[in-house]
Amino acid sequence: MSVIVTGVFPVLVTDSMARSRAFYEEFFGFQPVFEADWYVQLANPSQPALQLALVVAGHETVPAGDQRPNRSVIVTVEVDDVNRVFERLQAAGTPLLATPRDEPWGQRHFFAIDPAGFLIDVVMPIEPSADSAAAYVHAS
């Protein structure tokens, strides 16, 4: 018997819950579905399965080796207008690693750094090149 996966989401360790939470709420429209002073689970209001969570650095529930804010994860956030998000983040002074660019595999994207130091890959699907299109596996 197989396990049925009912959800997958990243949990990011942060040293500033307020700044990290505001970042995901303001720029990506996430809203809390669970709130505690040490943990917040956020979801997209129109697609509740799209979630991420934040946990305060040093909290006892986090394994000892991961008690620090880090950049060991890249969080990809898919949006409908990557240029608009880029402009909003730029205007807010968010650290940005490059301007949006089109990739042959079918993505327009850029990287930002969230308040806890995580890399955020903000992406928008675009038409892939012919060579890249052949690499996609389509579920039947």
Protein backbone atom coordinates (compact mmCIF):
# COMPACT_ATOMS: atom_id res chain seq x y z
CA MET A 1 0.00 0.00 0.00
CA SER A 2 1.33 3.43 -0.94
CA VAL A 3 1.13 6.54 1.14
CA ILE A 4 -1.12 9.22 -0.32
CA VAL A 5 0.65 12.58 -0.31
CA THR A 6 -1.85 15.30 0.53
CA GLY A 7 0.51 18.28 0.45
CA VAL A 8 4.10 19.38 0.16
CA PHE A 9 5.41 22.79 1.16
CA PRO A 10 8.68 24.33 2.32
CA VAL A 11 9.21 25.49 5.89
CA LEU A 12 11.74 28.30 6.01
CA VAL A 13 13.76 29.15 9.11
CA THR A 14 13.82 32.91 9.73
CA ASP A 15 15.34 35.25 12.28
CA SER A 16 12.59 37.81 11.62
CA MET A 17 9.11 36.34 11.50
CA ALA A 18 7.45 39.72 10.97
CA ARG A 19 9.62 40.73 7.99
CA SER A 20 9.49 37.30 6.36
CA ARG A 21 5.75 37.01 6.79
CA ALA A 22 5.14 40.50 5.43
CA PHE A 23 7.31 39.71 2.39
CA TYR A 24 5.23 36.70 1.34
CA GLU A 25 1.92 38.37 2.17
CA GLU A 26 2.67 41.68 0.43
CA PHE A 27 4.43 40.51 -2.72
CA PHE A 28 2.79 37.12 -3.34
CA GLY A 29 -0.63 37.45 -1.68
CA PHE A 30 -0.21 34.59 0.79
CA GLN A 31 -2.51 34.59 3.81
CA PRO A 32 -2.11 32.78 7.14
CA VAL A 33 -3.93 29.50 7.70
CA PHE A 34 -2.17 28.86 11.04
CA GLU A 35 -0.47 31.40 13.28
CA ALA A 36 1.68 31.06 16.38
CA ASP A 37 4.44 33.34 17.66
CA TRP A 38 7.05 30.81 16.45
CA TYR A 39 5.38 29.39 13.28
CA VAL A 40 3.14 30.70 10.52
CA GLN A 41 1.69 28.61 7.71
CA LEU A 42 0.71 30.66 4.66
CA ALA A 43 -1.50 29.71 1.71
CA ASN A 44 -2.58 31.25 -1.56
CA PRO A 45 -6.22 32.29 -0.98
CA SER A 46 -7.38 31.25 -4.45
CA GLN A 47 -5.35 28.00 -4.51
CA PRO A 48 -5.08 26.78 -0.90
CA ALA A 49 -2.83 23.84 -1.80
CA LEU A 50 -0.07 26.35 -2.61
CA GLN A 51 1.53 26.85 0.79
CA LEU A 52 4.72 27.68 2.60
CA ALA A 53 5.53 28.05 6.26
CA LEU A 54 7.93 30.08 8.37
CA VAL A 55 9.52 29.01 11.64
CA VAL A 56 11.56 31.16 14.01
CA ALA A 57 15.25 30.28 14.17
CA GLY A 58 16.15 28.50 17.39
CA HIS A 59 12.72 27.01 18.03
CA GLU A 60 12.90 23.66 19.81
CA THR A 61 10.90 21.84 17.11
CA VAL A 62 13.61 22.44 14.49
CA PRO A 63 16.41 19.81 14.44
CA ALA A 64 19.63 21.04 16.04
CA GLY A 65 21.60 21.10 12.77
CA ASP A 66 19.06 23.42 11.16
CA GLN A 67 18.68 26.05 13.86
CA ARG A 68 19.88 28.88 11.67
CA PRO A 69 18.42 31.05 8.97
CA ASN A 70 19.96 29.83 5.75
CA ARG A 71 20.00 29.79 1.98
CA SER A 72 20.10 26.03 1.57
CA VAL A 73 16.74 26.07 -0.22
CA ILE A 74 15.58 27.86 -3.34
CA VAL A 75 11.90 28.71 -3.10
CA THR A 76 10.28 28.93 -6.52
CA VAL A 77 7.17 31.09 -6.67
CA GLU A 78 5.27 30.86 -9.97
CA VAL A 79 3.36 34.03 -10.83
CA ASP A 80 1.25 35.33 -13.70
CA ASP A 81 3.31 38.50 -14.29
CA VAL A 82 7.00 38.22 -13.40
CA ASN A 83 7.78 41.77 -14.57
CA ARG A 84 5.17 43.30 -12.25
CA VAL A 85 6.53 41.36 -9.26
CA PHE A 86 10.08 42.40 -10.16
CA GLU A 87 9.06 46.07 -10.28
CA ARG A 88 7.28 45.87 -6.92
CA LEU A 89 10.22 44.14 -5.23
CA GLN A 90 12.68 46.59 -6.78
CA ALA A 91 10.62 49.57 -5.59
CA ALA A 92 10.58 48.10 -2.07
CA GLY A 93 14.38 47.77 -2.01
CA THR A 94 14.38 43.95 -1.95
CA PRO A 95 17.78 42.52 -2.91
CA LEU A 96 17.52 41.31 -6.53
CA LEU A 97 20.20 39.21 -8.19
CA ALA A 98 19.30 39.96 -11.82
CA THR A 99 16.60 41.37 -14.02
CA PRO A 100 13.96 39.02 -15.45
CA ARG A 101 15.15 36.91 -18.35
CA ASP A 102 13.69 34.29 -20.66
CA GLU A 103 15.10 30.77 -20.47
CA PRO A 104 14.92 28.20 -23.28
CA TRP A 105 13.24 25.63 -21.01
CA GLY A 106 10.11 27.79 -20.89
CA GLN A 107 10.51 30.18 -18.02
CA ARG A 108 10.90 33.91 -17.53
CA HIS A 109 12.41 34.47 -14.10
CA PHE A 110 14.64 36.34 -11.70
CA PHE A 111 16.10 35.72 -8.25
CA ALA A 112 15.40 37.79 -5.16
CA ILE A 113 16.51 37.34 -1.55
CA ASP A 114 13.79 37.24 1.08
CA PRO A 115 14.22 38.85 4.54
CA ALA A 116 15.60 35.61 6.02
CA GLY A 117 18.21 35.28 3.26
CA PHE A 118 16.51 32.57 1.19
CA LEU A 119 16.82 32.64 -2.57
CA ILE A 120 13.45 33.20 -4.21
CA ASP A 121 13.19 32.23 -7.87
CA VAL A 122 10.20 34.17 -9.19
CA VAL A 123 9.06 32.43 -12.37
CA MET A 124 6.44 32.74 -15.08
CA PRO A 125 5.89 29.95 -17.62
CA ILE A 126 6.55 30.90 -21.25
CA GLU A 127 6.75 28.84 -24.42
CA PRO A 128 9.88 26.64 -24.36
CA SER A 129 12.25 26.37 -27.30
CA ALA A 130 11.65 23.40 -29.60
CA ASP A 131 14.67 21.58 -28.17
CA SER A 132 13.53 22.15 -24.58
CA ALA A 133 9.90 21.24 -25.32
CA ALA A 134 11.03 17.73 -26.19
CA ALA A 135 12.47 17.30 -22.67
CA TYR A 136 9.09 17.72 -20.93
CA VAL A 137 7.42 14.55 -19.73
CA HIS A 138 3.68 14.77 -20.16
CA ALA A 139 1.49 12.75 -17.83
CA SER A 140 -0.99 10.56 -19.64
